[in-house]
Amino acid sequence: MTKGAFWIAHVTVTDDERYARYARIATEAIAEHGGVFEARGGRYRTMEGREHARNVVARFPSFEAAVACYESPRYQEALSHAAGASERDLVIVEMD
């Protein structure tokens, strides 16, 4: 049985206009790889570590799909808009 995976991103946006371009293209890339957003913004409370105002969780059908999405040309295009427009931490975690 294939296990799913999550992208967990913590983001501080520094350029709203450029980051909006990233978000539009990234949303398309994530959907193309079977990704679904579980949380995107919304209320949060930082319990440990650095605080970021935007927190995103996307679920993928497999760890491989999540990695393939990140490495895809479409997502890399999106990242070109995030560079310099945000401070980000992103981790891919396989579900148990």
PDB file of N, CA and C in Angstrom:
ATOM      1  N   MET A   1       0.837  -1.180   0.000  1.00  0.00           N
ATOM      2  CA  MET A   1       0.000   0.000   0.000  1.00  0.00           C
ATOM      3  C   MET A   1       0.880   1.241   0.000  1.00  0.00           C
ATOM      4  N   THR A   2       0.579   2.197  -0.878  1.00  0.00           N
ATOM      5  CA  THR A   2       1.331   3.433  -0.960  1.00  0.00           C
ATOM      6  C   THR A   2       0.915   4.377   0.159  1.00  0.00           C
ATOM      7  N   LYS A   3       1.895   4.926   0.824  1.00  0.00           N
ATOM      8  CA  LYS A   3       1.629   5.890   1.881  1.00  0.00           C
ATOM      9  C   LYS A   3       1.568   7.284   1.272  1.00  0.00           C
ATOM     10  N   GLY A   4       0.715   8.123   1.797  1.00  0.00           N
ATOM     11  CA  GLY A   4       0.656   9.511   1.376  1.00  0.00           C
ATOM     12  C   GLY A   4       1.770  10.308   2.033  1.00  0.00           C
ATOM     13  N   ALA A   5       1.802  11.582   1.707  1.00  0.00           N
ATOM     14  CA  ALA A   5       2.818  12.464   2.285  1.00  0.00           C
ATOM     15  C   ALA A   5       2.250  13.873   2.397  1.00  0.00           C
ATOM     16  N   PHE A   6       2.858  14.637   3.273  1.00  0.00           N
ATOM     17  CA  PHE A   6       2.486  16.041   3.450  1.00  0.00           C
ATOM     18  C   PHE A   6       3.656  16.941   3.082  1.00  0.00           C
ATOM     19  N   TRP A   7       3.334  18.072   2.476  1.00  0.00           N
ATOM     20  CA  TRP A   7       4.248  19.211   2.415  1.00  0.00           C
ATOM     21  C   TRP A   7       3.844  20.079   3.588  1.00  0.00           C
ATOM     22  N   ILE A   8       4.791  20.490   4.391  1.00  0.00           N
ATOM     23  CA  ILE A   8       4.518  21.416   5.487  1.00  0.00           C
ATOM     24  C   ILE A   8       5.437  22.612   5.276  1.00  0.00           C
ATOM     25  N   ALA A   9       4.823  23.770   5.033  1.00  0.00           N
ATOM     26  CA  ALA A   9       5.593  24.979   4.748  1.00  0.00           C
ATOM     27  C   ALA A   9       5.253  26.063   5.758  1.00  0.00           C
ATOM     28  N   HIS A  10       6.281  26.756   6.197  1.00  0.00           N
ATOM     29  CA  HIS A  10       6.141  27.909   7.084  1.00  0.00           C
ATOM     30  C   HIS A  10       6.763  29.085   6.334  1.00  0.00           C
ATOM     31  N   VAL A  11       5.984  30.148   6.147  1.00  0.00           N
ATOM     32  CA  VAL A  11       6.386  31.213   5.235  1.00  0.00           C
ATOM     33  C   VAL A  11       6.165  32.589   5.856  1.00  0.00           C
ATOM     34  N   THR A  12       7.131  33.457   5.642  1.00  0.00           N
ATOM     35  CA  THR A  12       6.962  34.883   5.908  1.00  0.00           C
ATOM     36  C   THR A  12       7.076  35.582   4.561  1.00  0.00           C
ATOM     37  N   VAL A  13       5.999  36.203   4.131  1.00  0.00           N
ATOM     38  CA  VAL A  13       5.962  36.881   2.832  1.00  0.00           C
ATOM     39  C   VAL A  13       6.547  38.278   2.993  1.00  0.00           C
ATOM     40  N   THR A  14       7.482  38.634   2.095  1.00  0.00           N
ATOM     41  CA  THR A  14       8.102  39.958   2.128  1.00  0.00           C
ATOM     42  C   THR A  14       7.731  40.804   0.910  1.00  0.00           C
ATOM     43  N   ASP A  15       7.139  40.181  -0.111  1.00  0.00           N
ATOM     44  CA  ASP A  15       6.690  40.900  -1.313  1.00  0.00           C
ATOM     45  C   ASP A  15       5.388  40.252  -1.766  1.00  0.00           C
ATOM     46  N   ASP A  16       4.268  40.878  -1.408  1.00  0.00           N
ATOM     47  CA  ASP A  16       2.951  40.293  -1.682  1.00  0.00           C
ATOM     48  C   ASP A  16       2.699  40.042  -3.160  1.00  0.00           C
ATOM     49  N   GLU A  17       3.077  40.970  -4.015  1.00  0.00           N
ATOM     50  CA  GLU A  17       2.810  40.837  -5.451  1.00  0.00           C
ATOM     51  C   GLU A  17       3.567  39.656  -6.058  1.00  0.00           C
ATOM     52  N   ARG A  18       4.849  39.560  -5.792  1.00  0.00           N
ATOM     53  CA  ARG A  18       5.641  38.446  -6.326  1.00  0.00           C
ATOM     54  C   ARG A  18       5.189  37.124  -5.716  1.00  0.00           C
ATOM     55  N   TYR A  19       4.874  37.140  -4.429  1.00  0.00           N
ATOM     56  CA  TYR A  19       4.460  35.895  -3.792  1.00  0.00           C
ATOM     57  C   TYR A  19       3.114  35.428  -4.328  1.00  0.00           C
ATOM     58  N   ALA A  20       2.249  36.335  -4.714  1.00  0.00           N
ATOM     59  CA  ALA A  20       0.963  35.954  -5.312  1.00  0.00           C
ATOM     60  C   ALA A  20       1.188  35.214  -6.626  1.00  0.00           C
ATOM     61  N   ARG A  21       2.183  35.619  -7.405  1.00  0.00           N
ATOM     62  CA  ARG A  21       2.515  34.888  -8.637  1.00  0.00           C
ATOM     63  C   ARG A  21       2.998  33.481  -8.292  1.00  0.00           C
ATOM     64  N   TYR A  22       3.864  33.387  -7.268  1.00  0.00           N
ATOM     65  CA  TYR A  22       4.309  32.066  -6.814  1.00  0.00           C
ATOM     66  C   TYR A  22       3.108  31.196  -6.448  1.00  0.00           C
ATOM     67  N   ALA A  23       2.216  31.725  -5.632  1.00  0.00           N
ATOM     68  CA  ALA A  23       1.083  30.942  -5.125  1.00  0.00           C
ATOM     69  C   ALA A  23       0.191  30.447  -6.256  1.00  0.00           C
ATOM     70  N   ARG A  24      -0.044  31.272  -7.258  1.00  0.00           N
ATOM     71  CA  ARG A  24      -0.900  30.867  -8.378  1.00  0.00           C
ATOM     72  C   ARG A  24      -0.282  29.689  -9.135  1.00  0.00           C
ATOM     73  N   ILE A  25       0.990  29.803  -9.466  1.00  0.00           N
ATOM     74  CA  ILE A  25       1.657  28.742 -10.228  1.00  0.00           C
ATOM     75  C   ILE A  25       1.853  27.496  -9.359  1.00  0.00           C
ATOM     76  N   ALA A  26       2.226  27.676  -8.101  1.00  0.00           N
ATOM     77  CA  ALA A  26       2.433  26.540  -7.195  1.00  0.00           C
ATOM     78  C   ALA A  26       1.146  25.754  -7.006  1.00  0.00           C
ATOM     79  N   THR A  27       0.026  26.449  -6.886  1.00  0.00           N
ATOM     80  CA  THR A  27      -1.269  25.774  -6.727  1.00  0.00           C
ATOM     81  C   THR A  27      -1.534  24.856  -7.911  1.00  0.00           C
ATOM     82  N   GLU A  28      -1.241  25.325  -9.114  1.00  0.00           N
ATOM     83  CA  GLU A  28      -1.424  24.501 -10.320  1.00  0.00           C
ATOM     84  C   GLU A  28      -0.498  23.290 -10.293  1.00  0.00           C
ATOM     85  N   ALA A  29       0.772  23.510  -9.942  1.00  0.00           N
ATOM     86  CA  ALA A  29       1.746  22.409  -9.907  1.00  0.00           C
ATOM     87  C   ALA A  29       1.356  21.365  -8.877  1.00  0.00           C
ATOM     88  N   ILE A  30       0.919  21.808  -7.728  1.00  0.00           N
ATOM     89  CA  ILE A  30       0.525  20.878  -6.661  1.00  0.00           C
ATOM     90  C   ILE A  30      -0.665  20.033  -7.108  1.00  0.00           C
ATOM     91  N   ALA A  31      -1.657  20.656  -7.715  1.00  0.00           N
ATOM     92  CA  ALA A  31      -2.828  19.914  -8.214  1.00  0.00           C
ATOM     93  C   ALA A  31      -2.429  18.917  -9.296  1.00  0.00           C
ATOM     94  N   GLU A  32      -1.498  19.292 -10.173  1.00  0.00           N
ATOM     95  CA  GLU A  32      -1.037  18.396 -11.244  1.00  0.00           C
ATOM     96  C   GLU A  32      -0.399  17.125 -10.686  1.00  0.00           C
ATOM     97  N   HIS A  33       0.094  17.173  -9.460  1.00  0.00           N
ATOM     98  CA  HIS A  33       0.736  16.014  -8.839  1.00  0.00           C
ATOM     99  C   HIS A  33      -0.145  15.351  -7.783  1.00  0.00           C
ATOM    100  N   GLY A  34      -1.428  15.653  -7.824  1.00  0.00           N
ATOM    101  CA  GLY A  34      -2.372  15.008  -6.917  1.00  0.00           C
ATOM    102  C   GLY A  34      -2.419  15.624  -5.539  1.00  0.00           C
ATOM    103  N   GLY A  35      -1.819  16.794  -5.373  1.00  0.00           N
ATOM    104  CA  GLY A  35      -1.792  17.447  -4.071  1.00  0.00           C
ATOM    105  C   GLY A  35      -3.093  18.171  -3.770  1.00  0.00           C
ATOM    106  N   VAL A  36      -3.456  18.163  -2.498  1.00  0.00           N
ATOM    107  CA  VAL A  36      -4.667  18.828  -2.003  1.00  0.00           C
ATOM    108  C   VAL A  36      -4.278  19.618  -0.760  1.00  0.00           C
ATOM    109  N   PHE A  37      -4.724  20.868  -0.680  1.00  0.00           N
ATOM    110  CA  PHE A  37      -4.417  21.671   0.501  1.00  0.00           C
ATOM    111  C   PHE A  37      -5.292  21.259   1.673  1.00  0.00           C
ATOM    112  N   GLU A  38      -4.657  21.028   2.807  1.00  0.00           N
ATOM    113  CA  GLU A  38      -5.351  20.727   4.057  1.00  0.00           C
ATOM    114  C   GLU A  38      -5.439  21.976   4.926  1.00  0.00           C
ATOM    115  N   ALA A  39      -4.426  22.824   4.834  1.00  0.00           N
ATOM    116  CA  ALA A  39      -4.409  24.098   5.567  1.00  0.00           C
ATOM    117  C   ALA A  39      -3.625  25.079   4.718  1.00  0.00           C
ATOM    118  N   ARG A  40      -4.131  26.297   4.664  1.00  0.00           N
ATOM    119  CA  ARG A  40      -3.482  27.329   3.850  1.00  0.00           C
ATOM    120  C   ARG A  40      -3.775  28.670   4.502  1.00  0.00           C
ATOM    121  N   GLY A  41      -2.864  29.099   5.354  1.00  0.00           N
ATOM    122  CA  GLY A  41      -3.128  30.310   6.113  1.00  0.00           C
ATOM    123  C   GLY A  41      -3.967  29.954   7.326  1.00  0.00           C
ATOM    124  N   GLY A  42      -4.836  30.832   7.716  1.00  0.00           N
ATOM    125  CA  GLY A  42      -5.714  30.561   8.841  1.00  0.00           C
ATOM    126  C   GLY A  42      -5.033  30.817  10.181  1.00  0.00           C
ATOM    127  N   ARG A  43      -5.797  30.591  11.222  1.00  0.00           N
ATOM    128  CA  ARG A  43      -5.276  30.813  12.577  1.00  0.00           C
ATOM    129  C   ARG A  43      -4.135  29.867  12.888  1.00  0.00           C
ATOM    130  N   TYR A  44      -3.206  30.357  13.660  1.00  0.00           N
ATOM    131  CA  TYR A  44      -2.074  29.522  14.082  1.00  0.00           C
ATOM    132  C   TYR A  44      -1.553  30.029  15.417  1.00  0.00           C
ATOM    133  N   ARG A  45      -0.787  29.194  16.041  1.00  0.00           N
ATOM    134  CA  ARG A  45      -0.093  29.573  17.270  1.00  0.00           C
ATOM    135  C   ARG A  45       1.246  28.856  17.264  1.00  0.00           C
ATOM    136  N   THR A  46       2.320  29.593  17.236  1.00  0.00           N
ATOM    137  CA  THR A  46       3.656  29.016  17.252  1.00  0.00           C
ATOM    138  C   THR A  46       3.977  28.567  18.669  1.00  0.00           C
ATOM    139  N   MET A  47       4.230  27.287  18.822  1.00  0.00           N
ATOM    140  CA  MET A  47       4.534  26.739  20.138  1.00  0.00           C
ATOM    141  C   MET A  47       6.044  26.617  20.364  1.00  0.00           C
ATOM    142  N   GLU A  48       6.796  26.393  19.277  1.00  0.00           N
ATOM    143  CA  GLU A  48       8.252  26.292  19.356  1.00  0.00           C
ATOM    144  C   GLU A  48       8.822  26.764  18.026  1.00  0.00           C
ATOM    145  N   GLY A  49      10.040  27.248  18.051  1.00  0.00           N
ATOM    146  CA  GLY A  49      10.718  27.613  16.815  1.00  0.00           C
ATOM    147  C   GLY A  49      10.353  28.999  16.317  1.00  0.00           C
ATOM    148  N   ARG A  50      10.777  29.262  15.080  1.00  0.00           N
ATOM    149  CA  ARG A  50      10.558  30.571  14.469  1.00  0.00           C
ATOM    150  C   ARG A  50       9.104  30.732  14.061  1.00  0.00           C
ATOM    151  N   GLU A  51       8.598  31.924  14.225  1.00  0.00           N
ATOM    152  CA  GLU A  51       7.219  32.209  13.825  1.00  0.00           C
ATOM    153  C   GLU A  51       7.180  32.696  12.385  1.00  0.00           C
ATOM    154  N   HIS A  52       6.243  32.152  11.633  1.00  0.00           N
ATOM    155  CA  HIS A  52       5.958  32.581  10.266  1.00  0.00           C
ATOM    156  C   HIS A  52       4.457  32.846  10.191  1.00  0.00           C
ATOM    157  N   ALA A  53       4.086  33.908   9.518  1.00  0.00           N
ATOM    158  CA  ALA A  53       2.680  34.306   9.478  1.00  0.00           C
ATOM    159  C   ALA A  53       1.827  33.429   8.566  1.00  0.00           C
ATOM    160  N   ARG A  54       2.453  32.666   7.667  1.00  0.00           N
ATOM    161  CA  ARG A  54       1.689  31.823   6.737  1.00  0.00           C
ATOM    162  C   ARG A  54       2.162  30.386   6.915  1.00  0.00           C
ATOM    163  N   ASN A  55       1.217  29.495   7.132  1.00  0.00           N
ATOM    164  CA  ASN A  55       1.524  28.071   7.325  1.00  0.00           C
ATOM    165  C   ASN A  55       0.639  27.272   6.389  1.00  0.00           C
ATOM    166  N   VAL A  56       1.259  26.362   5.644  1.00  0.00           N
ATOM    167  CA  VAL A  56       0.547  25.626   4.601  1.00  0.00           C
ATOM    168  C   VAL A  56       0.827  24.132   4.752  1.00  0.00           C
ATOM    169  N   VAL A  57      -0.223  23.332   4.631  1.00  0.00           N
ATOM    170  CA  VAL A  57      -0.089  21.879   4.616  1.00  0.00           C
ATOM    171  C   VAL A  57      -0.812  21.369   3.369  1.00  0.00           C
ATOM    172  N   ALA A  58      -0.087  20.623   2.542  1.00  0.00           N
ATOM    173  CA  ALA A  58      -0.682  19.999   1.359  1.00  0.00           C
ATOM    174  C   ALA A  58      -0.464  18.495   1.467  1.00  0.00           C
ATOM    175  N   ARG A  59      -1.498  17.735   1.127  1.00  0.00           N
ATOM    176  CA  ARG A  59      -1.433  16.274   1.173  1.00  0.00           C
ATOM    177  C   ARG A  59      -1.260  15.738  -0.252  1.00  0.00           C
ATOM    178  N   PHE A  60      -0.356  14.781  -0.409  1.00  0.00           N
ATOM    179  CA  PHE A  60      -0.087  14.138  -1.695  1.00  0.00           C
ATOM    180  C   PHE A  60      -0.377  12.645  -1.588  1.00  0.00           C
ATOM    181  N   PRO A  61      -0.651  11.990  -2.716  1.00  0.00           N
ATOM    182  CA  PRO A  61      -0.972  10.561  -2.668  1.00  0.00           C
ATOM    183  C   PRO A  61       0.213   9.675  -2.291  1.00  0.00           C
ATOM    184  N   SER A  62       1.436  10.187  -2.448  1.00  0.00           N
ATOM    185  CA  SER A  62       2.620   9.411  -2.078  1.00  0.00           C
ATOM    186  C   SER A  62       3.788  10.358  -1.823  1.00  0.00           C
ATOM    187  N   PHE A  63       4.790   9.843  -1.141  1.00  0.00           N
ATOM    188  CA  PHE A  63       6.017  10.607  -0.913  1.00  0.00           C
ATOM    189  C   PHE A  63       6.662  10.952  -2.247  1.00  0.00           C
ATOM    190  N   GLU A  64       6.659   9.986  -3.156  1.00  0.00           N
ATOM    191  CA  GLU A  64       7.266  10.182  -4.472  1.00  0.00           C
ATOM    192  C   GLU A  64       6.567  11.293  -5.251  1.00  0.00           C
ATOM    193  N   ALA A  65       5.239  11.345  -5.165  1.00  0.00           N
ATOM    194  CA  ALA A  65       4.491  12.410  -5.846  1.00  0.00           C
ATOM    195  C   ALA A  65       4.835  13.779  -5.270  1.00  0.00           C
ATOM    196  N   ALA A  66       5.008  13.850  -3.956  1.00  0.00           N
ATOM    197  CA  ALA A  66       5.350  15.116  -3.307  1.00  0.00           C
ATOM    198  C   ALA A  66       6.729  15.598  -3.749  1.00  0.00           C
ATOM    199  N   VAL A  67       7.689  14.690  -3.799  1.00  0.00           N
ATOM    200  CA  VAL A  67       9.038  15.043  -4.239  1.00  0.00           C
ATOM    201  C   VAL A  67       9.025  15.417  -5.719  1.00  0.00           C
ATOM    202  N   ALA A  68       8.305  14.649  -6.531  1.00  0.00           N
ATOM    203  CA  ALA A  68       8.222  14.928  -7.969  1.00  0.00           C
ATOM    204  C   ALA A  68       7.620  16.306  -8.218  1.00  0.00           C
ATOM    205  N   CYS A  69       6.631  16.672  -7.431  1.00  0.00           N
ATOM    206  CA  CYS A  69       6.032  17.999  -7.562  1.00  0.00           C
ATOM    207  C   CYS A  69       7.075  19.071  -7.294  1.00  0.00           C
ATOM    208  N   TYR A  70       7.792  18.949  -6.199  1.00  0.00           N
ATOM    209  CA  TYR A  70       8.793  19.951  -5.850  1.00  0.00           C
ATOM    210  C   TYR A  70       9.847  20.080  -6.941  1.00  0.00           C
ATOM    211  N   GLU A  71      10.245  18.953  -7.515  1.00  0.00           N
ATOM    212  CA  GLU A  71      11.306  18.947  -8.519  1.00  0.00           C
ATOM    213  C   GLU A  71      10.808  19.251  -9.925  1.00  0.00           C
ATOM    214  N   SER A  72       9.495  19.370 -10.115  1.00  0.00           N
ATOM    215  CA  SER A  72       8.923  19.582 -11.443  1.00  0.00           C
ATOM    216  C   SER A  72       9.274  20.961 -11.996  1.00  0.00           C
ATOM    217  N   PRO A  73       9.382  21.072 -13.319  1.00  0.00           N
ATOM    218  CA  PRO A  73       9.643  22.377 -13.929  1.00  0.00           C
ATOM    219  C   PRO A  73       8.593  23.427 -13.553  1.00  0.00           C
ATOM    220  N   ARG A  74       7.343  23.032 -13.462  1.00  0.00           N
ATOM    221  CA  ARG A  74       6.286  23.993 -13.135  1.00  0.00           C
ATOM    222  C   ARG A  74       6.464  24.546 -11.724  1.00  0.00           C
ATOM    223  N   TYR A  75       6.765  23.683 -10.750  1.00  0.00           N
ATOM    224  CA  TYR A  75       6.963  24.183  -9.390  1.00  0.00           C
ATOM    225  C   TYR A  75       8.247  25.001  -9.296  1.00  0.00           C
ATOM    226  N   GLN A  76       9.276  24.603 -10.006  1.00  0.00           N
ATOM    227  CA  GLN A  76      10.510  25.384  -9.995  1.00  0.00           C
ATOM    228  C   GLN A  76      10.279  26.775 -10.592  1.00  0.00           C
ATOM    229  N   GLU A  77       9.396  26.858 -11.593  1.00  0.00           N
ATOM    230  CA  GLU A  77       8.999  28.159 -12.122  1.00  0.00           C
ATOM    231  C   GLU A  77       8.339  28.994 -11.020  1.00  0.00           C
ATOM    232  N   ALA A  78       7.441  28.355 -10.264  1.00  0.00           N
ATOM    233  CA  ALA A  78       6.787  29.058  -9.157  1.00  0.00           C
ATOM    234  C   ALA A  78       7.822  29.562  -8.164  1.00  0.00           C
ATOM    235  N   LEU A  79       8.789  28.718  -7.816  1.00  0.00           N
ATOM    236  CA  LEU A  79       9.812  29.103  -6.842  1.00  0.00           C
ATOM    237  C   LEU A  79      10.613  30.319  -7.281  1.00  0.00           C
ATOM    238  N   SER A  80      10.754  30.513  -8.589  1.00  0.00           N
ATOM    239  CA  SER A  80      11.499  31.684  -9.063  1.00  0.00           C
ATOM    240  C   SER A  80      10.815  32.980  -8.621  1.00  0.00           C
ATOM    241  N   HIS A  81       9.502  32.942  -8.395  1.00  0.00           N
ATOM    242  CA  HIS A  81       8.773  34.117  -7.918  1.00  0.00           C
ATOM    243  C   HIS A  81       8.845  34.236  -6.391  1.00  0.00           C
ATOM    244  N   ALA A  82       9.016  33.123  -5.693  1.00  0.00           N
ATOM    245  CA  ALA A  82       9.107  33.150  -4.228  1.00  0.00           C
ATOM    246  C   ALA A  82      10.466  33.645  -3.759  1.00  0.00           C
ATOM    247  N   ALA A  83      11.502  33.402  -4.576  1.00  0.00           N
ATOM    248  CA  ALA A  83      12.856  33.824  -4.207  1.00  0.00           C
ATOM    249  C   ALA A  83      12.894  35.347  -4.064  1.00  0.00           C
ATOM    250  N   GLY A  84      13.328  35.801  -2.914  1.00  0.00           N
ATOM    251  CA  GLY A  84      13.381  37.228  -2.656  1.00  0.00           C
ATOM    252  C   GLY A  84      12.042  37.835  -2.258  1.00  0.00           C
ATOM    253  N   ALA A  85      10.983  37.034  -2.303  1.00  0.00           N
ATOM    254  CA  ALA A  85       9.646  37.516  -1.941  1.00  0.00           C
ATOM    255  C   ALA A  85       9.153  36.873  -0.652  1.00  0.00           C
ATOM    256  N   SER A  86       9.979  35.970  -0.090  1.00  0.00           N
ATOM    257  CA  SER A  86       9.547  35.263   1.112  1.00  0.00           C
ATOM    258  C   SER A  86      10.739  34.602   1.784  1.00  0.00           C
ATOM    259  N   GLU A  87      10.537  34.305   3.063  1.00  0.00           N
ATOM    260  CA  GLU A  87      11.444  33.440   3.816  1.00  0.00           C
ATOM    261  C   GLU A  87      10.637  32.188   4.089  1.00  0.00           C
ATOM    262  N   ARG A  88      11.182  31.031   3.726  1.00  0.00           N
ATOM    263  CA  ARG A  88      10.393  29.806   3.751  1.00  0.00           C
ATOM    264  C   ARG A  88      11.163  28.649   4.356  1.00  0.00           C
ATOM    265  N   ASP A  89      10.424  27.785   5.015  1.00  0.00           N
ATOM    266  CA  ASP A  89      10.909  26.466   5.425  1.00  0.00           C
ATOM    267  C   ASP A  89       9.893  25.483   4.871  1.00  0.00           C
ATOM    268  N   LEU A  90      10.365  24.431   4.231  1.00  0.00           N
ATOM    269  CA  LEU A  90       9.455  23.431   3.669  1.00  0.00           C
ATOM    270  C   LEU A  90      10.024  22.048   3.935  1.00  0.00           C
ATOM    271  N   VAL A  91       9.178  21.158   4.405  1.00  0.00           N
ATOM    272  CA  VAL A  91       9.591  19.783   4.646  1.00  0.00           C
ATOM    273  C   VAL A  91       8.531  18.862   4.034  1.00  0.00           C
ATOM    274  N   ILE A  92       8.968  17.734   3.504  1.00  0.00           N
ATOM    275  CA  ILE A  92       8.065  16.702   3.008  1.00  0.00           C
ATOM    276  C   ILE A  92       8.118  15.550   4.001  1.00  0.00           C
ATOM    277  N   VAL A  93       6.948  15.131   4.501  1.00  0.00           N
ATOM    278  CA  VAL A  93       6.872  14.103   5.527  1.00  0.00           C
ATOM    279  C   VAL A  93       5.957  12.993   5.060  1.00  0.00           C
ATOM    280  N   GLU A  94       6.454  11.765   5.049  1.00  0.00           N
ATOM    281  CA  GLU A  94       5.628  10.622   4.688  1.00  0.00           C
ATOM    282  C   GLU A  94       4.693  10.263   5.844  1.00  0.00           C
ATOM    283  N   MET A  95       3.463   9.919   5.516  1.00  0.00           N
ATOM    284  CA  MET A  95       2.508   9.486   6.542  1.00  0.00           C
ATOM    285  C   MET A  95       2.868   8.104   7.040  1.00  0.00           C
ATOM    286  N   ASP A  96       2.586   7.839   8.299  1.00  0.00           N
ATOM    287  CA  ASP A  96       2.789   6.490   8.848  1.00  0.00           C
ATOM    288  C   ASP A  96       1.762   5.544   8.299  1.00  0.00           C
TER     289      ASP A  96
END
